[in-house]
Protein backbone atom coordinates (compact mmCIF):
# COMPACT_ATOMS: atom_id res chain seq x y z
CA MET A 1 18.25 -13.94 -7.43
CA THR A 2 14.90 -14.65 -6.26
CA VAL A 3 13.24 -12.22 -3.90
CA ALA A 4 9.72 -12.65 -2.27
CA ALA A 5 7.78 -9.98 -0.72
CA VAL A 6 5.06 -10.45 2.13
CA GLN A 7 1.85 -8.47 2.33
CA ALA A 8 0.12 -8.75 5.69
CA ASP A 9 -3.18 -8.32 7.16
CA LEU A 10 -2.33 -8.12 10.92
CA GLU A 11 -4.51 -7.47 14.12
CA LEU A 12 -4.14 -4.53 16.37
CA ALA A 13 -1.97 -5.35 19.18
CA ALA A 14 -2.55 -9.18 18.85
CA VAL A 15 1.34 -9.85 18.92
CA GLU A 16 1.41 -13.53 19.09
CA ARG A 17 -1.39 -14.15 16.44
CA ASN A 18 0.25 -11.56 14.38
CA LEU A 19 3.64 -13.65 14.52
CA GLU A 20 1.85 -16.75 13.70
CA THR A 21 0.45 -15.21 10.76
CA ILE A 22 3.67 -13.90 9.68
CA GLU A 23 5.51 -17.24 10.14
CA ASP A 24 2.83 -18.76 7.79
CA LEU A 25 3.27 -16.30 5.26
CA ILE A 26 6.91 -16.72 5.43
CA ARG A 27 6.71 -20.44 4.92
CA ASP A 28 3.95 -20.27 2.17
CA ALA A 29 6.29 -17.48 0.34
CA HIS A 30 9.20 -20.22 0.59
CA ARG A 31 7.20 -23.15 -0.55
CA GLU A 32 6.06 -21.21 -3.61
CA HIS A 33 8.89 -19.31 -4.79
CA ALA A 34 12.14 -21.03 -3.35
CA PRO A 35 13.42 -17.50 -2.97
CA ASP A 36 17.09 -16.26 -1.75
CA VAL A 37 15.19 -13.44 0.22
CA ILE A 38 11.80 -13.12 1.88
CA VAL A 39 10.93 -9.52 2.94
CA VAL A 40 8.44 -8.84 5.52
CA PRO A 41 6.99 -5.47 6.40
CA GLU A 42 7.96 -3.02 9.41
CA ALA A 43 5.44 -3.33 12.36
CA MET A 44 4.94 -7.15 12.11
CA THR A 45 3.86 -7.58 15.45
CA SER A 46 0.80 -4.83 15.11
CA PRO A 47 0.03 -2.25 12.59
CA ASN A 48 1.59 1.25 13.72
CA VAL A 49 -1.48 3.42 14.29
CA PHE A 50 -2.47 5.75 17.40
CA ASN A 51 -4.34 3.67 20.02
CA LYS A 52 -3.63 3.06 23.50
CA ARG A 53 -3.57 -0.64 22.99
CA LEU A 54 -0.37 -0.22 20.98
CA ARG A 55 1.35 0.69 24.40
CA GLY A 56 1.60 -3.20 24.99
CA VAL A 57 3.23 -4.14 21.56
CA THR A 58 6.83 -3.14 22.19
CA ARG A 59 8.89 -6.57 23.07
CA PRO A 60 12.71 -7.01 24.04
CA VAL A 61 14.87 -6.60 21.02
CA ASP A 62 15.95 -10.43 21.52
CA GLY A 63 12.64 -11.65 22.10
CA ALA A 64 9.78 -13.58 20.02
CA PRO A 65 9.69 -11.42 17.11
CA PHE A 66 13.43 -11.50 16.64
CA GLN A 67 13.74 -15.15 17.34
CA LEU A 68 11.03 -15.68 14.89
CA LEU A 69 12.82 -14.08 11.87
CA THR A 70 16.31 -15.87 13.01
CA ARG A 71 14.81 -19.16 13.28
CA LEU A 72 13.00 -19.17 10.09
CA ALA A 73 16.30 -17.86 8.30
CA ARG A 74 18.31 -20.64 9.62
CA GLU A 75 15.50 -23.30 9.15
CA LEU A 76 14.56 -22.55 5.56
CA ASP A 77 18.18 -21.27 4.67
CA VAL A 78 17.09 -18.07 3.32
CA VAL A 79 17.65 -14.46 4.17
CA VAL A 80 14.48 -13.04 6.07
CA THR A 81 13.70 -9.50 7.01
CA GLY A 82 11.13 -7.78 9.09
CA GLY A 83 10.51 -5.25 11.75
CA PHE A 84 8.98 -4.73 15.22
CA LEU A 85 8.54 -2.18 18.09
CA ALA A 86 11.90 -3.21 20.41
CA ARG A 87 13.29 -2.29 23.47
CA ARG A 88 17.05 -1.58 23.33
CA GLY A 89 18.64 -0.26 26.44
CA ARG A 90 16.76 2.49 27.97
CA ASP A 91 14.41 3.23 25.07
CA ALA A 92 12.07 1.66 22.46
CA TYR A 93 12.97 1.83 18.77
CA GLY A 94 11.24 0.88 15.33
CA THR A 95 13.91 -1.91 14.59
CA TYR A 96 14.05 -3.71 11.01
CA VAL A 97 15.99 -6.86 11.44
CA LEU A 98 18.03 -8.78 8.40
CA ALA A 99 18.37 -12.19 9.51
CA GLU A 100 21.22 -14.58 8.02
CA PRO A 101 20.83 -18.22 7.51
CA ASP A 102 24.00 -18.76 9.44
CA GLY A 103 22.40 -17.43 12.52
CA GLY A 104 23.77 -13.85 12.39
CA ALA A 105 21.75 -10.84 11.96
CA HIS A 106 21.73 -7.24 11.25
CA LEU A 107 19.68 -4.48 12.99
CA HIS A 108 18.46 -1.12 11.58
CA ASP A 109 16.32 1.41 13.67
CA LYS A 110 14.09 4.02 11.93
CA ASP A 111 15.68 7.41 11.88
CA ILE A 112 12.51 9.29 12.56
CA PRO A 113 9.08 7.73 13.80
CA SER A 114 6.26 9.11 12.03
CA ALA A 115 3.58 11.09 13.22
CA TRP A 116 1.59 9.38 15.97
CA GLU A 117 4.63 6.62 15.99
CA ASN A 118 6.50 9.41 18.36
CA HIS A 119 4.26 8.38 21.11
CA TYR A 120 5.57 4.78 21.28
CA TYR A 121 9.30 4.88 20.09
CA ARG A 122 12.42 7.20 19.48
CA GLY A 123 14.53 7.50 16.33
CA GLY A 124 17.76 5.78 15.84
CA ASP A 125 21.10 6.76 14.15
CA ASP A 126 22.49 4.00 12.33
CA ASP A 127 22.76 4.35 8.70
CA GLY A 128 20.91 1.36 7.52
CA ARG A 129 23.59 -0.16 5.18
CA VAL A 130 24.68 -3.78 6.28
CA HIS A 131 26.92 -6.41 4.48
CA CYS A 132 24.79 -9.57 4.16
CA ARG A 133 27.25 -12.62 4.13
CA ALA A 134 24.57 -15.18 2.65
CA LEU A 135 24.26 -13.15 -0.56
CA GLY A 136 27.41 -11.59 -0.65
CA LEU A 137 26.05 -8.08 -1.26
CA ASP A 138 25.82 -4.64 0.34
CA VAL A 139 21.89 -4.05 1.31
CA GLY A 140 20.08 -1.14 2.61
CA LEU A 141 17.53 -1.52 4.78
CA ALA A 142 14.48 1.02 5.25
CA SER A 143 11.59 1.20 7.34
CA GLY A 144 8.26 3.08 7.01
CA TRP A 145 8.41 6.69 6.00
CA GLU A 146 12.43 6.47 5.53
CA TRP A 147 11.28 5.35 2.18
CA ALA A 148 9.73 8.69 1.23
CA ARG A 149 12.85 11.09 2.25
CA HIS A 150 15.60 12.11 0.11
CA ARG A 151 18.24 11.62 2.78
CA THR A 152 17.46 7.94 2.86
CA ALA A 153 18.10 7.28 -0.89
CA LYS A 154 21.22 9.62 -0.49
CA ARG A 155 22.80 7.25 2.26
CA LEU A 156 21.59 4.06 0.72
CA ARG A 157 23.16 5.03 -2.85
CA GLY A 158 26.03 2.29 -3.38
CA VAL A 159 24.22 -0.77 -2.07
CA ASP A 160 23.46 -3.69 -4.20
CA LEU A 161 19.78 -4.13 -2.95
CA VAL A 162 17.36 -2.19 -0.88
CA LEU A 163 14.94 -4.13 1.60
CA GLY A 164 12.55 -2.86 3.70
CA GLY A 165 8.96 -2.64 4.98
CA MET A 166 5.89 -0.16 5.06
CA CYS A 167 2.83 0.37 7.41
CA TRP A 168 0.80 3.20 5.49
CA PRO A 169 -2.39 3.41 7.39
CA SER A 170 -4.55 6.14 5.47
CA PHE A 171 -7.17 8.89 6.29
CA PRO A 172 -10.12 8.02 8.57
CA ALA A 173 -12.97 6.57 6.20
CA ASN A 174 -15.50 7.15 8.91
CA TRP A 175 -15.09 11.06 8.57
CA THR A 176 -18.05 11.50 6.43
CA VAL A 177 -19.55 14.60 7.25
CA PRO A 178 -19.25 17.12 4.47
CA PRO A 179 -16.93 18.99 3.80
CA LEU A 180 -14.57 16.96 6.14
CA ASN A 181 -15.36 13.80 3.93
CA ARG A 182 -14.29 15.89 0.46
CA TRP A 183 -10.87 16.50 2.30
CA VAL A 184 -10.50 12.89 3.71
CA GLU A 185 -11.17 11.57 0.08
CA ARG A 186 -8.70 13.98 -1.51
CA GLU A 187 -5.85 13.31 0.95
CA HIS A 188 -6.46 9.48 0.75
CA ALA A 189 -6.36 9.27 -3.04
CA LEU A 190 -3.07 11.03 -2.66
CA TRP A 191 -1.55 8.85 -0.33
CA VAL A 192 -2.63 5.92 -2.57
CA ARG A 193 -0.77 7.33 -5.55
CA GLN A 194 2.11 8.34 -3.46
CA ASN A 195 2.64 4.76 -1.96
CA ARG A 196 2.10 3.03 -5.28
CA GLU A 197 4.97 5.41 -6.91
CA LEU A 198 7.26 5.27 -4.00
CA PRO A 199 9.29 1.76 -4.50
CA ALA A 200 10.10 2.68 -8.22
CA GLN A 201 11.17 6.10 -7.31
CA VAL A 202 13.53 4.98 -4.67
CA ALA A 203 14.84 2.28 -7.05
CA ARG A 204 15.64 5.13 -9.53
CA LEU A 205 17.09 7.43 -6.71
CA VAL A 206 19.45 4.95 -5.25
CA GLY A 207 20.20 3.01 -8.18
CA ALA A 208 19.58 -0.69 -6.89
CA PRO A 209 16.81 -3.26 -7.04
CA VAL A 210 13.89 -2.61 -4.38
CA VAL A 211 11.97 -5.06 -2.33
CA TYR A 212 9.01 -2.97 -0.54
CA ALA A 213 6.64 -5.26 1.64
CA ALA A 214 3.66 -3.71 2.92
CA HIS A 215 0.62 -3.85 5.44
CA VAL A 216 -2.88 -4.29 4.30
CA GLY A 217 -6.53 -4.26 5.77
CA SER A 218 -8.83 -2.49 7.98
CA VAL A 219 -7.50 -0.83 11.26
CA GLU A 220 -9.02 1.02 14.28
CA ALA A 221 -7.12 3.95 15.44
CA ARG A 222 -8.11 7.12 17.36
CA PHE A 223 -7.31 10.79 16.70
CA PRO A 224 -4.11 11.78 18.40
CA ALA A 225 -5.44 14.95 19.48
CA ALA A 226 -8.53 13.63 20.88
CA PRO A 227 -8.24 10.10 21.59
CA VAL A 228 -12.26 9.60 22.00
CA VAL A 229 -12.25 10.32 18.19
CA PRO A 230 -12.47 7.21 16.25
CA TRP A 231 -10.07 7.06 13.07
CA ARG A 232 -11.26 3.79 11.24
CA THR A 233 -9.16 3.33 8.17
CA THR A 234 -6.97 0.73 5.99
CA CYS A 235 -3.54 0.10 5.47
CA ILE A 236 -2.86 0.71 1.71
CA GLY A 237 -0.63 -2.06 0.81
CA GLU A 238 1.40 -1.78 -2.62
CA THR A 239 4.01 -4.49 -1.92
CA GLN A 240 6.18 -4.19 -4.91
CA ILE A 241 9.48 -5.57 -6.30
CA CYS A 242 11.11 -3.18 -8.62
CA ALA A 243 14.36 -3.09 -11.04
CA ALA A 244 16.91 -0.57 -10.63
CA ASP A 245 15.44 1.37 -13.38
CA GLY A 246 12.01 1.46 -11.52
CA THR A 247 10.56 -1.28 -13.67
CA VAL A 248 7.81 -2.84 -11.37
CA LEU A 249 8.56 -6.45 -11.48
CA ALA A 250 6.04 -7.90 -9.12
CA ARG A 251 3.21 -6.08 -7.33
CA ARG A 252 0.31 -6.98 -4.97
CA THR A 253 -2.56 -4.12 -4.72
CA GLU A 254 -4.41 -3.07 -1.59
CA ALA A 255 -7.64 -4.95 -3.38
CA GLN A 256 -5.52 -8.43 -3.59
CA GLY A 257 -4.99 -8.46 0.14
CA ALA A 258 -2.45 -10.60 2.19
CA GLY A 259 -0.18 -12.81 0.40
CA HIS A 260 3.12 -12.56 -1.24
CA VAL A 261 4.81 -11.66 -4.58
CA ALA A 262 8.24 -12.94 -6.09
CA ALA A 263 10.60 -11.88 -8.75
CA GLU A 264 14.00 -12.57 -9.98
CA VAL A 265 16.21 -9.47 -9.69
CA THR A 266 19.75 -8.33 -10.86
CA PRO A 267 21.32 -7.08 -8.06
CA GLY A 268 24.12 -4.36 -8.15
CA SER A 269 24.83 -0.73 -7.61
CA VAL A 270 24.49 1.24 -11.02
CA ALA A 271 24.33 4.88 -11.94
CA PRO A 272 21.16 6.18 -10.44
CA LEU A 273 18.83 7.51 -13.07
CA ASP A 274 17.16 10.10 -11.22
CA GLU A 275 18.98 12.83 -9.44
CA LEU A 276 18.46 13.67 -5.66
CA ALA A 277 16.26 16.82 -4.83
CA ASP A 278 17.02 19.47 -2.44
CA ARG A 279 13.97 18.63 -0.24
CA PHE A 280 13.00 16.49 2.60
CA TRP A 281 10.36 14.34 0.91
CA ILE A 282 10.57 12.43 -2.25
CA PRO A 283 6.76 12.51 -2.95
CA ALA A 284 5.24 16.13 -3.08
CA MET A 285 3.39 15.81 0.12
CA SER A 286 0.07 17.97 0.77
CA LEU A 287 0.25 20.89 3.59
CA SER A 288 -2.03 18.48 5.68
CA THR A 289 0.58 15.53 5.73
CA HIS A 290 3.75 18.15 6.07
CA ILE A 291 2.22 20.29 8.90
CA ALA A 292 -0.37 18.42 10.65
CA ALA A 293 0.54 14.76 10.18
CA TRP A 294 4.28 15.29 10.47
CA HIS A 295 5.39 18.47 12.53
CA VAL A 296 2.37 18.86 14.82
CA MET A 297 1.86 15.22 15.33
CA ASN A 298 5.42 14.32 15.56
CA ASN A 299 6.13 17.19 18.46
CA HIS A 300 3.00 16.09 20.25
CA GLY A 301 4.14 12.61 20.16
CA ARG A 302 7.72 13.18 21.21
CA LEU A 303 6.67 14.99 24.38
CA ASP A 304 4.26 12.34 25.41
CA TYR A 305 6.89 9.58 25.01
CA TRP A 306 9.58 11.62 26.87
CA GLN A 307 7.18 12.38 29.69
CA LYS A 308 6.16 8.91 30.16
CA ARG A 309 10.01 7.67 30.08
CA LEU A 310 10.80 9.94 32.79
CA ARG A 311 7.75 8.79 34.91
CA GLY A 312 8.30 5.11 34.24
CA LYS A 313 5.04 4.88 32.54
CA HIS A 314 5.63 2.81 29.11
CA GLU A 315 4.90 -0.58 29.58
CA TRP A 316 8.18 -1.68 28.22
CA GLN A 317 9.99 -0.21 30.92
CA SER A 318 9.06 -3.04 32.89
CA MET A 319 10.69 -5.38 30.40
CA PRO A 320 14.72 -6.38 30.63
CA ALA A 321 16.82 -3.57 29.64
CA GLY A 322 19.02 -5.52 27.47
CA ASP A 323 20.34 -4.72 23.85
CA LEU A 324 21.96 -6.17 20.83
CA PRO A 325 24.57 -4.99 18.53
CA ASP A 326 23.72 -3.72 15.01
CA ALA A 327 25.63 -6.72 13.70
CA LEU A 328 25.42 -10.32 15.10
CA PRO A 329 27.96 -12.76 13.83
CA PRO A 330 27.02 -16.29 12.71
CA VAL A 331 26.34 -19.19 15.22
CA ALA A 332 27.68 -22.64 14.83
CA ASP A 333 25.01 -25.22 14.33
CA GLU A 334 25.75 -26.90 17.55
CA GLN A 335 26.05 -23.59 19.72
CA GLU A 336 23.06 -22.15 21.50
CA GLN A 337 22.71 -18.44 20.97
CA HIS A 338 23.25 -16.39 23.88
CA PHE A 339 23.13 -12.31 23.70
CA ALA A 340 24.95 -10.53 26.32
CA THR A 341 23.17 -7.60 27.34
CA THR A 342 24.06 -4.03 28.21
CA PRO A 343 22.18 -1.76 30.68
């Protein structure tokens, strides 16, 4: 089958404009490649960075981002995937959606928000394994740094195809004072390499082809521990399509900017070529990433999230507290789609 992956350059917190950009990229990929599947990154409504403007990015789970994916899947008769910050019931999640051409859909919530993302949403508990009717395949969905964990590869073993997105903002390029600049340059180079190698590593660990759609472009963040300190950086791209043996079939680098790639893949679960390791991360994360970016920022963000939730201070708490099931059935052509909400 032919699969396409979108690499997007999006604006911070500009939800409506970003959805227009995503729609244009999906349509362009469909015209150029005539694929069976089009994969869009996570965070398609805004890059996931620490910035107070991100508090206004979350949308109802059945709102405009979801409707865009399901509408295009039906109109173009293609499977479309993409992710966004969604209110589901009493909480917000990093939700990744696989939309079927028959109007149905499958939803996966990222298991653990990464670093500063904990300020904006909580983790989910589904396994990210869905059966796609249009493809007749078992598909694994992965979002963000889920890709980088052995436990994700373990739970997705046995699927026929892995689809998902990444938003990987790098270290602050504006921190140029020695010796801080040398630390930033070293950590940035490490993340660039790890991101480039990750899709093929996951393919070899799971034993299935991988489609990995990424963000690219500059973004204005803030330092979580001191929001007055600017964190000007870039999303480091590396959209890739890999065969089950890790062969890179198509790639779009950070330097190539926004656009899309496509390739023919042979779906199906095969014996994984690499063994799962008894450790958390697939890449060898540095101490800076493992301690500061993960443990410290995770805990700082979780505390902020739950304090604001208890006090009703999240912007999304003014939205309807509806939800969708993780699996939505097909919708008849003549039937208008209505979703039951649960408190």
